[in-house]
Amino acid sequence: VVVIDSLAGYQKTLHGEEFTSSIYDLCAYLKSWCVTTILINDVEAITGDFRVTELHISYLADNIVFLRYLEIRGALRKAIGVLKKRMSHFEQTLREFVITDQGIEVGEPLMDLRGILFGVPEWVGRSKEREP
C-alpha cells in the first residue's frame, strides 16, 4: 500500500513538471505491481461548492470517499460518503462520523437533511425533532 498525503504536496515536488501525466504514470506503475494506492486530496474550501478535486484527476480513482464539514446549530460536524466505486454498487447515503479515542464511528444515514454537500444543511420532513 502506498499513501500519498497530499496530492498538493506531491505536485510541489514536481518543480514545474506536468502533474497529471506524472500522477497517472505513478499510479499505472504501482498498479502493475499490484500495489494499492491511496491518494489524499484536500480542497481549499471547507464549505461552498462541492468539488471532488481541483486537480481534475478523479478519472484515475476506482473509489472516491469524501469527508465534508457541516455546521448544525453552531456546532462543527462531519459527514462521510462514497461518490464512486468502480465496478460495484455502493451505499449512496451520507452519514455523520466522529473520531473518538476508540477510532472512527460512522452513524446513521443523514436522511432528513439536504444541502450537506454545500456545507449548509437544512432540515426537511419530520426530522426537526430528532437532529443528529
C-alpha atoms as a PDB file:
ATOM      1  CA  VAL A   1       0.000   0.000   0.000  1.00  0.00           C
ATOM      2  CA  VAL A   2       1.245   3.471  -0.926  1.00  0.00           C
ATOM      3  CA  VAL A   3      -0.425   6.568   0.519  1.00  0.00           C
ATOM      4  CA  ILE A   4       0.226   9.990  -0.970  1.00  0.00           C
ATOM      5  CA  ASP A   5      -0.871  12.621   1.515  1.00  0.00           C
ATOM      6  CA  SER A   6      -1.477  15.022  -0.086  1.00  0.00           C
ATOM      7  CA  LEU A   7      -1.659  15.463  -3.832  1.00  0.00           C
ATOM      8  CA  ALA A   8      -0.865  19.161  -3.395  1.00  0.00           C
ATOM      9  CA  GLY A   9       2.394  18.193  -1.673  1.00  0.00           C
ATOM     10  CA  TYR A  10       3.210  15.707  -4.414  1.00  0.00           C
ATOM     11  CA  GLN A  11       2.532  18.373  -7.036  1.00  0.00           C
ATOM     12  CA  LYS A  12       5.000  20.738  -5.344  1.00  0.00           C
ATOM     13  CA  THR A  13       7.762  18.124  -5.548  1.00  0.00           C
ATOM     14  CA  LEU A  14       7.497  18.090  -9.344  1.00  0.00           C
ATOM     15  CA  HIS A  15       9.062  21.560  -9.710  1.00  0.00           C
ATOM     16  CA  GLY A  16       7.088  22.533 -12.808  1.00  0.00           C
ATOM     17  CA  GLU A  17       6.772  19.091 -14.394  1.00  0.00           C
ATOM     18  CA  GLU A  18       3.382  18.058 -15.742  1.00  0.00           C
ATOM     19  CA  PHE A  19       1.345  16.917 -12.718  1.00  0.00           C
ATOM     20  CA  THR A  20      -1.458  14.984 -14.431  1.00  0.00           C
ATOM     21  CA  SER A  21       0.785  12.752 -16.524  1.00  0.00           C
ATOM     22  CA  SER A  22       3.168  12.248 -13.597  1.00  0.00           C
ATOM     23  CA  ILE A  23       0.483  11.039 -11.179  1.00  0.00           C
ATOM     24  CA  TYR A  24      -1.097   8.919 -13.915  1.00  0.00           C
ATOM     25  CA  ASP A  25       2.251   7.248 -14.674  1.00  0.00           C
ATOM     26  CA  LEU A  26       2.929   6.664 -10.980  1.00  0.00           C
ATOM     27  CA  CYS A  27      -0.498   5.094 -10.392  1.00  0.00           C
ATOM     28  CA  ALA A  28      -0.168   2.896 -13.502  1.00  0.00           C
ATOM     29  CA  TYR A  29       3.277   1.716 -12.397  1.00  0.00           C
ATOM     30  CA  LEU A  30       2.090   0.893  -8.875  1.00  0.00           C
ATOM     31  CA  LYS A  31      -0.981  -0.905 -10.246  1.00  0.00           C
ATOM     32  CA  SER A  32       1.255  -3.042 -12.484  1.00  0.00           C
ATOM     33  CA  TRP A  33       2.931  -4.268  -9.277  1.00  0.00           C
ATOM     34  CA  CYS A  34      -0.492  -4.874  -7.607  1.00  0.00           C
ATOM     35  CA  VAL A  35       0.097  -2.040  -5.155  1.00  0.00           C
ATOM     36  CA  THR A  36      -2.962  -0.353  -3.674  1.00  0.00           C
ATOM     37  CA  THR A  37      -2.542   3.398  -3.958  1.00  0.00           C
ATOM     38  CA  ILE A  38      -4.446   5.843  -1.761  1.00  0.00           C
ATOM     39  CA  LEU A  39      -4.413   9.437  -2.967  1.00  0.00           C
ATOM     40  CA  ILE A  40      -5.489  12.067  -0.470  1.00  0.00           C
ATOM     41  CA  ASN A  41      -6.714  15.324  -1.905  1.00  0.00           C
ATOM     42  CA  ASP A  42      -7.670  18.278   0.196  1.00  0.00           C
ATOM     43  CA  VAL A  43      -9.748  21.081  -1.234  1.00  0.00           C
ATOM     44  CA  GLU A  44      -9.334  24.695  -0.214  1.00  0.00           C
ATOM     45  CA  ALA A  45     -12.923  25.489   0.767  1.00  0.00           C
ATOM     46  CA  ILE A  46     -14.473  23.971   3.879  1.00  0.00           C
ATOM     47  CA  THR A  47     -17.985  24.856   2.714  1.00  0.00           C
ATOM     48  CA  GLY A  48     -19.496  26.084  -0.542  1.00  0.00           C
ATOM     49  CA  ASP A  49     -19.337  24.409  -3.920  1.00  0.00           C
ATOM     50  CA  PHE A  50     -18.576  20.702  -3.617  1.00  0.00           C
ATOM     51  CA  ARG A  51     -15.530  19.632  -5.616  1.00  0.00           C
ATOM     52  CA  VAL A  52     -14.098  16.167  -5.708  1.00  0.00           C
ATOM     53  CA  THR A  53     -10.736  17.508  -6.805  1.00  0.00           C
ATOM     54  CA  GLU A  54      -9.479  20.828  -8.033  1.00  0.00           C
ATOM     55  CA  LEU A  55      -6.776  18.895  -9.905  1.00  0.00           C
ATOM     56  CA  HIS A  56      -9.143  17.245 -12.426  1.00  0.00           C
ATOM     57  CA  ILE A  57      -7.859  13.694 -11.863  1.00  0.00           C
ATOM     58  CA  SER A  58     -10.908  11.910 -10.437  1.00  0.00           C
ATOM     59  CA  TYR A  59     -10.921   9.649 -13.505  1.00  0.00           C
ATOM     60  CA  LEU A  60      -7.861   7.907 -12.037  1.00  0.00           C
ATOM     61  CA  ALA A  61      -9.770   6.698  -8.992  1.00  0.00           C
ATOM     62  CA  ASP A  62     -11.518   3.368  -8.703  1.00  0.00           C
ATOM     63  CA  ASN A  63     -13.113   4.553  -5.453  1.00  0.00           C
ATOM     64  CA  ILE A  64     -13.792   8.011  -4.074  1.00  0.00           C
ATOM     65  CA  VAL A  65     -14.653   8.516  -0.413  1.00  0.00           C
ATOM     66  CA  PHE A  66     -15.213  12.087   0.693  1.00  0.00           C
ATOM     67  CA  LEU A  67     -15.433  13.872   4.001  1.00  0.00           C
ATOM     68  CA  ARG A  68     -17.425  17.048   4.382  1.00  0.00           C
ATOM     69  CA  TYR A  69     -17.679  19.542   7.211  1.00  0.00           C
ATOM     70  CA  LEU A  70     -21.090  20.923   8.089  1.00  0.00           C
ATOM     71  CA  GLU A  71     -22.481  23.251  10.690  1.00  0.00           C
ATOM     72  CA  ILE A  72     -25.566  22.297  12.665  1.00  0.00           C
ATOM     73  CA  ARG A  73     -26.822  24.711  15.321  1.00  0.00           C
ATOM     74  CA  GLY A  74     -23.413  26.314  15.678  1.00  0.00           C
ATOM     75  CA  ALA A  75     -21.542  23.017  16.065  1.00  0.00           C
ATOM     76  CA  LEU A  76     -18.994  21.739  13.571  1.00  0.00           C
ATOM     77  CA  ARG A  77     -19.909  18.224  12.406  1.00  0.00           C
ATOM     78  CA  LYS A  78     -18.523  15.866   9.766  1.00  0.00           C
ATOM     79  CA  ALA A  79     -20.211  13.753   7.092  1.00  0.00           C
ATOM     80  CA  ILE A  80     -18.749  10.892   5.075  1.00  0.00           C
ATOM     81  CA  GLY A  81     -19.947   9.452   1.793  1.00  0.00           C
ATOM     82  CA  VAL A  82     -18.932   7.376  -1.193  1.00  0.00           C
ATOM     83  CA  LEU A  83     -19.033   9.166  -4.509  1.00  0.00           C
ATOM     84  CA  LYS A  84     -17.607   6.463  -6.732  1.00  0.00           C
ATOM     85  CA  LYS A  85     -16.910   2.742  -6.523  1.00  0.00           C
ATOM     86  CA  ARG A  86     -15.905   1.375  -9.883  1.00  0.00           C
ATOM     87  CA  MET A  87     -17.396  -1.990 -10.899  1.00  0.00           C
ATOM     88  CA  SER A  88     -19.746  -2.262  -7.922  1.00  0.00           C
ATOM     89  CA  HIS A  89     -22.809  -0.823  -6.236  1.00  0.00           C
ATOM     90  CA  PHE A  90     -22.348   1.275  -3.112  1.00  0.00           C
ATOM     91  CA  GLU A  91     -24.376   2.986  -0.437  1.00  0.00           C
ATOM     92  CA  GLN A  92     -25.396   6.411  -1.655  1.00  0.00           C
ATOM     93  CA  THR A  93     -26.377   7.995   1.658  1.00  0.00           C
ATOM     94  CA  LEU A  94     -24.282  10.408   3.651  1.00  0.00           C
ATOM     95  CA  ARG A  95     -23.559   9.590   7.265  1.00  0.00           C
ATOM     96  CA  GLU A  96     -22.223  11.590  10.174  1.00  0.00           C
ATOM     97  CA  PHE A  97     -18.917  10.409  11.570  1.00  0.00           C
ATOM     98  CA  VAL A  98     -16.842  11.232  14.611  1.00  0.00           C
ATOM     99  CA  ILE A  99     -13.276  10.444  15.557  1.00  0.00           C
ATOM    100  CA  THR A 100     -13.029   9.179  19.129  1.00  0.00           C
ATOM    101  CA  ASP A 101     -10.408   7.581  21.356  1.00  0.00           C
ATOM    102  CA  GLN A 102     -11.766   4.246  20.104  1.00  0.00           C
ATOM    103  CA  GLY A 103     -11.405   5.151  16.414  1.00  0.00           C
ATOM    104  CA  ILE A 104     -13.823   6.303  13.737  1.00  0.00           C
ATOM    105  CA  GLU A 105     -17.536   5.890  14.417  1.00  0.00           C
ATOM    106  CA  VAL A 106     -19.957   6.135  11.491  1.00  0.00           C
ATOM    107  CA  GLY A 107     -23.535   6.956  12.398  1.00  0.00           C
ATOM    108  CA  GLU A 108     -26.936   6.500  10.834  1.00  0.00           C
ATOM    109  CA  PRO A 109     -27.701   7.978   7.398  1.00  0.00           C
ATOM    110  CA  LEU A 110     -28.430  11.716   7.384  1.00  0.00           C
ATOM    111  CA  MET A 111     -31.712  11.183   5.554  1.00  0.00           C
ATOM    112  CA  ASP A 112     -33.577  14.238   6.819  1.00  0.00           C
ATOM    113  CA  LEU A 113     -31.006  16.846   5.813  1.00  0.00           C
ATOM    114  CA  ARG A 114     -30.405  18.453   2.464  1.00  0.00           C
ATOM    115  CA  GLY A 115     -27.626  20.796   1.360  1.00  0.00           C
ATOM    116  CA  ILE A 116     -24.901  18.765   3.082  1.00  0.00           C
ATOM    117  CA  LEU A 117     -22.601  18.922   0.067  1.00  0.00           C
ATOM    118  CA  PHE A 118     -22.806  22.723   0.224  1.00  0.00           C
ATOM    119  CA  GLY A 119     -21.809  22.595   3.896  1.00  0.00           C
ATOM    120  CA  VAL A 120     -25.052  24.290   4.931  1.00  0.00           C
ATOM    121  CA  PRO A 121     -27.561  21.550   5.754  1.00  0.00           C
ATOM    122  CA  GLU A 122     -31.268  22.255   6.153  1.00  0.00           C
ATOM    123  CA  TRP A 123     -33.808  20.087   7.927  1.00  0.00           C
ATOM    124  CA  VAL A 124     -36.530  18.598   5.767  1.00  0.00           C
ATOM    125  CA  GLY A 125     -39.521  16.472   6.647  1.00  0.00           C
ATOM    126  CA  ARG A 126     -40.205  15.286  10.149  1.00  0.00           C
ATOM    127  CA  SER A 127     -36.610  15.340  11.424  1.00  0.00           C
ATOM    128  CA  LYS A 128     -36.663  18.709  13.177  1.00  0.00           C
ATOM    129  CA  GLU A 129     -37.420  16.927  16.447  1.00  0.00           C
ATOM    130  CA  ARG A 130     -34.507  14.474  16.202  1.00  0.00           C
ATOM    131  CA  GLU A 131     -31.418  16.079  14.781  1.00  0.00           C
ATOM    132  CA  PRO A 132     -28.180  14.067  14.663  1.00  0.00           C
END
